[in-house]
């Protein structure tokens, strides 16, 4: 079995409170997530020290996120992002 889900995050309107989330911080529950050429900022990774690091994508780039299923399958070798 497989699941394919498309998600679209529309732009945040000007004047929106900068502490507002489009999506609350979370781990992906799936095996992997492919993020194809984001056109806007917003994706961040929580680092081990508790700080957030922005993820920038470039033309033609695909970002691969490890999900909870991959983390479980590899006994934590690949951490869920």
C-alpha atoms as a PDB file:
ATOM      1  CA  UNK A   1       0.000   0.000   0.000  1.00  0.00           C
ATOM      2  CA  UNK A   2       1.107   3.550  -0.542  1.00  0.00           C
ATOM      3  CA  UNK A   3      -0.170   7.031   0.168  1.00  0.00           C
ATOM      4  CA  UNK A   4       0.457  10.171  -1.817  1.00  0.00           C
ATOM      5  CA  UNK A   5      -0.703  13.431  -0.340  1.00  0.00           C
ATOM      6  CA  UNK A   6      -0.264  16.871  -1.846  1.00  0.00           C
ATOM      7  CA  UNK A   7      -0.123  19.871   0.474  1.00  0.00           C
ATOM      8  CA  UNK A   8      -0.241  23.523  -0.488  1.00  0.00           C
ATOM      9  CA  UNK A   9       0.636  26.275   1.952  1.00  0.00           C
ATOM     10  CA  UNK A  10      -0.707  29.585   0.622  1.00  0.00           C
ATOM     11  CA  UNK A  11       1.273  32.786   1.255  1.00  0.00           C
ATOM     12  CA  UNK A  12       0.795  34.526   4.585  1.00  0.00           C
ATOM     13  CA  UNK A  13      -1.029  37.838   4.046  1.00  0.00           C
ATOM     14  CA  UNK A  14       0.910  41.026   4.725  1.00  0.00           C
ATOM     15  CA  UNK A  15       0.367  42.409   8.190  1.00  0.00           C
ATOM     16  CA  UNK A  16      -0.089  38.960   9.752  1.00  0.00           C
ATOM     17  CA  UNK A  17       1.394  38.591  13.241  1.00  0.00           C
ATOM     18  CA  UNK A  18       4.918  37.184  12.644  1.00  0.00           C
ATOM     19  CA  UNK A  19       4.450  34.608  15.418  1.00  0.00           C
ATOM     20  CA  UNK A  20       1.507  33.026  13.550  1.00  0.00           C
ATOM     21  CA  UNK A  21       2.077  29.488  12.232  1.00  0.00           C
ATOM     22  CA  UNK A  22       0.775  28.221   8.895  1.00  0.00           C
ATOM     23  CA  UNK A  23       1.342  24.769  10.270  1.00  0.00           C
ATOM     24  CA  UNK A  24       2.228  24.019  13.893  1.00  0.00           C
ATOM     25  CA  UNK A  25       5.679  22.490  14.508  1.00  0.00           C
ATOM     26  CA  UNK A  26       5.476  18.749  13.851  1.00  0.00           C
ATOM     27  CA  UNK A  27       7.302  15.640  12.647  1.00  0.00           C
ATOM     28  CA  UNK A  28       6.161  13.931   9.482  1.00  0.00           C
ATOM     29  CA  UNK A  29       4.574  10.588  10.344  1.00  0.00           C
ATOM     30  CA  UNK A  30       5.230   9.083   6.925  1.00  0.00           C
ATOM     31  CA  UNK A  31       8.290   7.200   5.628  1.00  0.00           C
ATOM     32  CA  UNK A  32       9.676  10.126   3.615  1.00  0.00           C
ATOM     33  CA  UNK A  33       8.377  13.492   2.460  1.00  0.00           C
ATOM     34  CA  UNK A  34       9.491  15.034  -0.822  1.00  0.00           C
ATOM     35  CA  UNK A  35       9.393  18.827  -0.936  1.00  0.00           C
ATOM     36  CA  UNK A  36       9.723  20.049  -4.494  1.00  0.00           C
ATOM     37  CA  UNK A  37      10.965  23.592  -5.123  1.00  0.00           C
ATOM     38  CA  UNK A  38       9.283  25.653  -2.481  1.00  0.00           C
ATOM     39  CA  UNK A  39       8.510  29.154  -3.708  1.00  0.00           C
ATOM     40  CA  UNK A  40       8.267  30.727  -0.265  1.00  0.00           C
ATOM     41  CA  UNK A  41      10.096  30.811   3.024  1.00  0.00           C
ATOM     42  CA  UNK A  42       8.835  29.118   6.156  1.00  0.00           C
ATOM     43  CA  UNK A  43      10.235  25.575   6.345  1.00  0.00           C
ATOM     44  CA  UNK A  44      12.483  25.173   9.375  1.00  0.00           C
ATOM     45  CA  UNK A  45      14.190  22.277  11.156  1.00  0.00           C
ATOM     46  CA  UNK A  46      14.422  22.051  14.944  1.00  0.00           C
ATOM     47  CA  UNK A  47      18.073  21.402  15.803  1.00  0.00           C
ATOM     48  CA  UNK A  48      19.405  19.376  18.745  1.00  0.00           C
ATOM     49  CA  UNK A  49      20.217  22.580  20.670  1.00  0.00           C
ATOM     50  CA  UNK A  50      16.547  23.663  20.456  1.00  0.00           C
ATOM     51  CA  UNK A  51      17.086  26.404  17.874  1.00  0.00           C
ATOM     52  CA  UNK A  52      15.248  26.572  14.554  1.00  0.00           C
ATOM     53  CA  UNK A  53      17.197  26.523  11.272  1.00  0.00           C
ATOM     54  CA  UNK A  54      15.538  27.810   8.078  1.00  0.00           C
ATOM     55  CA  UNK A  55      15.589  25.486   5.078  1.00  0.00           C
ATOM     56  CA  UNK A  56      16.018  27.199   1.721  1.00  0.00           C
ATOM     57  CA  UNK A  57      15.175  25.470  -1.531  1.00  0.00           C
ATOM     58  CA  UNK A  58      16.588  26.279  -4.924  1.00  0.00           C
ATOM     59  CA  UNK A  59      15.332  25.830  -8.463  1.00  0.00           C
ATOM     60  CA  UNK A  60      15.289  22.151  -9.395  1.00  0.00           C
ATOM     61  CA  UNK A  61      15.975  20.987  -5.835  1.00  0.00           C
ATOM     62  CA  UNK A  62      13.964  18.350  -3.980  1.00  0.00           C
ATOM     63  CA  UNK A  63      14.224  18.308  -0.190  1.00  0.00           C
ATOM     64  CA  UNK A  64      13.822  14.851   1.362  1.00  0.00           C
ATOM     65  CA  UNK A  65      12.483  14.707   4.924  1.00  0.00           C
ATOM     66  CA  UNK A  66      12.851  11.537   6.952  1.00  0.00           C
ATOM     67  CA  UNK A  67       9.590  10.663   8.674  1.00  0.00           C
ATOM     68  CA  UNK A  68       8.640   8.765  11.812  1.00  0.00           C
ATOM     69  CA  UNK A  69       8.223   5.489   9.914  1.00  0.00           C
ATOM     70  CA  UNK A  70      11.801   5.680   8.548  1.00  0.00           C
ATOM     71  CA  UNK A  71      13.104   6.586  12.008  1.00  0.00           C
ATOM     72  CA  UNK A  72      11.367   3.533  13.503  1.00  0.00           C
ATOM     73  CA  UNK A  73      12.488   1.212  10.704  1.00  0.00           C
ATOM     74  CA  UNK A  74      16.158   2.245  11.152  1.00  0.00           C
ATOM     75  CA  UNK A  75      16.042   2.161  14.970  1.00  0.00           C
ATOM     76  CA  UNK A  76      16.696   5.896  15.084  1.00  0.00           C
ATOM     77  CA  UNK A  77      19.629   5.988  12.630  1.00  0.00           C
ATOM     78  CA  UNK A  78      17.659   8.429  10.458  1.00  0.00           C
ATOM     79  CA  UNK A  79      15.915  10.963  12.694  1.00  0.00           C
ATOM     80  CA  UNK A  80      12.455  12.214  11.819  1.00  0.00           C
ATOM     81  CA  UNK A  81      12.598  15.881  10.862  1.00  0.00           C
END
